[in-house]
Amino acid sequence: MFDPFSKVGALTRRLHQISLRVFSEEVHPYGLTTVQFGALQAIADHSGIDQVSLGVASDIDRTTVMRVLNRLEKHGLVRRKPCPQDKRINRVYITAVGKRMISDIEPLADASQQRLLEPLAPDERAAFMNMLTKLVLAHSSQSLYNSQNRHE
């Protein structure tokens, strides 16, 4: 008989679903998904990032990048401008409205993370985060996170 509590993939998938639900409950008034919020943060951190690099930084495919940018741009959170050196490349910039949105959502996002980790003791939380970071970095060949020299 299949026991999902014995499979790392099943547990990881289930925890991801729970994480998405908790995040959504916290930031519901703003209507952003975790992917949209992550992309908005990446744009804020890397002003003028191109769409391909945003996909790598956010670990999302090109089609999803386009959908996310369309939604963020529609709500006035970002703006795209053609690169002066190569008009085929769009650079993405956060707007003042986008900066305010991040400022408003960050405490709620942090609260969602605290809710998610609440069942763990403080020392367990630190150990869990270290192990998650180690696994993600070990399996992220293209992610921006690998280039940020993150260590335990």
Protein backbone atom coordinates (compact mmCIF):
# COMPACT_ATOMS: atom_id res chain seq x y z
CA MET A 1 0.00 0.00 0.00
CA PHE A 2 1.27 3.48 -0.91
CA ASP A 3 2.24 5.53 2.12
CA PRO A 4 2.68 9.20 1.11
CA PHE A 5 4.39 9.91 4.43
CA SER A 6 7.26 7.64 3.36
CA LYS A 7 7.94 9.49 0.07
CA VAL A 8 9.93 12.72 0.02
CA GLY A 9 8.31 13.80 -3.27
CA ALA A 10 4.77 13.33 -1.96
CA LEU A 11 5.56 15.17 1.27
CA THR A 12 7.33 17.99 -0.58
CA ARG A 13 4.40 18.38 -2.98
CA ARG A 14 1.91 18.43 -0.10
CA LEU A 15 3.95 20.97 1.87
CA HIS A 16 4.15 23.12 -1.26
CA GLN A 17 0.36 23.03 -1.59
CA ILE A 18 -0.02 23.99 2.06
CA SER A 19 2.54 26.79 1.65
CA LEU A 20 0.64 28.20 -1.35
CA ARG A 21 -2.65 28.10 0.56
CA VAL A 22 -1.21 29.83 3.63
CA PHE A 23 0.45 32.51 1.48
CA SER A 24 -2.80 33.06 -0.43
CA GLU A 25 -4.77 33.42 2.80
CA GLU A 26 -2.37 36.05 4.10
CA VAL A 27 -2.07 38.15 0.93
CA HIS A 28 -5.59 37.59 -0.40
CA PRO A 29 -6.51 41.31 -0.47
CA TYR A 30 -3.65 41.96 -2.92
CA GLY A 31 -4.49 39.15 -5.32
CA LEU A 32 -0.91 38.12 -6.07
CA THR A 33 0.29 34.55 -6.35
CA THR A 34 3.61 33.38 -4.93
CA VAL A 35 5.05 33.30 -8.47
CA GLN A 36 3.91 36.86 -9.20
CA PHE A 37 5.22 38.12 -5.86
CA GLY A 38 8.55 36.36 -6.38
CA ALA A 39 8.89 37.84 -9.86
CA LEU A 40 8.02 41.30 -8.53
CA GLN A 41 10.71 40.94 -5.86
CA ALA A 42 13.26 39.80 -8.46
CA ILE A 43 12.42 42.82 -10.62
CA ALA A 44 12.78 45.13 -7.62
CA ASP A 45 16.16 43.58 -6.77
CA HIS A 46 17.43 43.61 -10.38
CA SER A 47 16.12 46.78 -11.98
CA GLY A 48 16.14 46.51 -15.75
CA ILE A 49 16.33 42.71 -15.74
CA ASP A 50 15.51 41.16 -19.10
CA GLN A 51 12.62 38.72 -19.42
CA VAL A 52 14.83 35.65 -19.98
CA SER A 53 16.94 36.42 -16.91
CA LEU A 54 13.76 36.98 -14.91
CA GLY A 55 12.63 33.49 -15.86
CA VAL A 56 15.95 32.05 -14.67
CA ALA A 57 15.90 34.13 -11.48
CA SER A 58 12.32 33.13 -10.72
CA ASP A 59 12.75 29.55 -11.97
CA ILE A 60 9.77 29.85 -14.31
CA ASP A 61 9.42 29.09 -18.01
CA ARG A 62 9.17 31.73 -20.77
CA THR A 63 5.42 31.36 -21.25
CA THR A 64 4.78 31.81 -17.54
CA VAL A 65 7.14 34.82 -17.44
CA MET A 66 5.06 36.48 -20.15
CA ARG A 67 1.79 35.79 -18.33
CA VAL A 68 3.21 37.03 -15.02
CA LEU A 69 4.59 40.20 -16.62
CA ASN A 70 1.33 40.86 -18.45
CA ARG A 71 -0.56 40.65 -15.16
CA LEU A 72 1.95 42.76 -13.22
CA GLU A 73 2.04 45.36 -15.99
CA LYS A 74 -1.77 45.43 -16.24
CA HIS A 75 -1.91 46.37 -12.55
CA GLY A 76 0.76 49.05 -12.94
CA LEU A 77 3.34 47.20 -10.83
CA VAL A 78 6.02 46.95 -13.53
CA ARG A 79 6.82 48.46 -16.89
CA ARG A 80 8.69 46.97 -19.84
CA LYS A 81 10.97 48.99 -22.06
CA PRO A 82 12.90 47.85 -25.12
CA CYS A 83 16.64 47.58 -24.58
CA PRO A 84 18.34 50.47 -26.43
CA GLN A 85 21.09 48.16 -27.74
CA ASP A 86 18.75 45.37 -28.87
CA LYS A 87 15.07 46.16 -29.46
CA ARG A 88 14.22 42.42 -29.34
CA ILE A 89 15.02 42.44 -25.62
CA ASN A 90 12.62 43.95 -23.11
CA ARG A 91 13.94 45.26 -19.82
CA VAL A 92 11.59 45.19 -16.84
CA TYR A 93 11.38 47.87 -14.15
CA ILE A 94 9.31 48.06 -10.99
CA THR A 95 7.03 51.08 -10.62
CA ALA A 96 6.35 53.12 -7.49
CA VAL A 97 3.06 51.22 -7.15
CA GLY A 98 4.99 47.94 -7.35
CA LYS A 99 7.43 49.07 -4.66
CA ARG A 100 4.51 49.98 -2.37
CA MET A 101 2.90 46.60 -3.07
CA ILE A 102 6.08 44.77 -2.04
CA SER A 103 6.32 46.90 1.09
CA ASP A 104 2.70 46.07 1.96
CA ILE A 105 2.94 42.36 1.19
CA GLU A 106 6.34 41.51 2.72
CA PRO A 107 5.06 41.48 6.33
CA LEU A 108 2.13 39.30 5.24
CA ALA A 109 4.43 36.94 3.34
CA ASP A 110 6.66 36.72 6.39
CA ALA A 111 3.61 35.95 8.53
CA SER A 112 2.66 33.15 6.14
CA GLN A 113 6.14 31.66 6.54
CA GLN A 114 5.88 31.87 10.32
CA ARG A 115 2.49 30.14 10.19
CA LEU A 116 3.93 27.40 8.02
CA LEU A 117 6.87 26.76 10.38
CA GLU A 118 4.87 27.28 13.58
CA PRO A 119 4.60 23.54 14.43
CA LEU A 120 8.41 23.32 14.62
CA ALA A 121 10.52 24.38 17.58
CA PRO A 122 12.88 27.31 16.84
CA ASP A 123 15.95 25.04 16.53
CA GLU A 124 13.99 22.69 14.24
CA ARG A 125 13.02 25.65 12.03
CA ALA A 126 16.65 26.62 11.53
CA ALA A 127 17.67 23.04 10.78
CA PHE A 128 14.73 22.59 8.39
CA MET A 129 15.59 25.79 6.51
CA ASN A 130 19.25 24.76 6.25
CA MET A 131 18.29 21.37 4.85
CA LEU A 132 15.80 22.87 2.38
CA THR A 133 18.39 25.41 1.22
CA LYS A 134 20.96 22.67 0.75
CA LEU A 135 18.57 20.56 -1.34
CA VAL A 136 17.40 23.47 -3.48
CA LEU A 137 20.93 24.66 -4.19
CA ALA A 138 22.09 21.13 -5.01
CA HIS A 139 19.31 20.72 -7.58
CA SER A 140 19.19 24.25 -9.05
CA SER A 141 21.58 24.38 -11.97
CA GLN A 142 20.27 27.60 -13.54
CA SER A 143 18.72 29.44 -10.65
CA LEU A 144 19.92 32.90 -9.66
CA TYR A 145 20.16 31.53 -6.13
CA ASN A 146 23.23 29.50 -7.09
CA SER A 147 25.01 32.65 -8.19
CA GLN A 148 24.38 34.41 -4.90
CA ASN A 149 26.90 32.25 -2.97
CA ARG A 150 24.39 31.25 -0.31
CA HIS A 151 25.85 29.05 2.37
CA GLU A 152 24.64 27.60 5.65
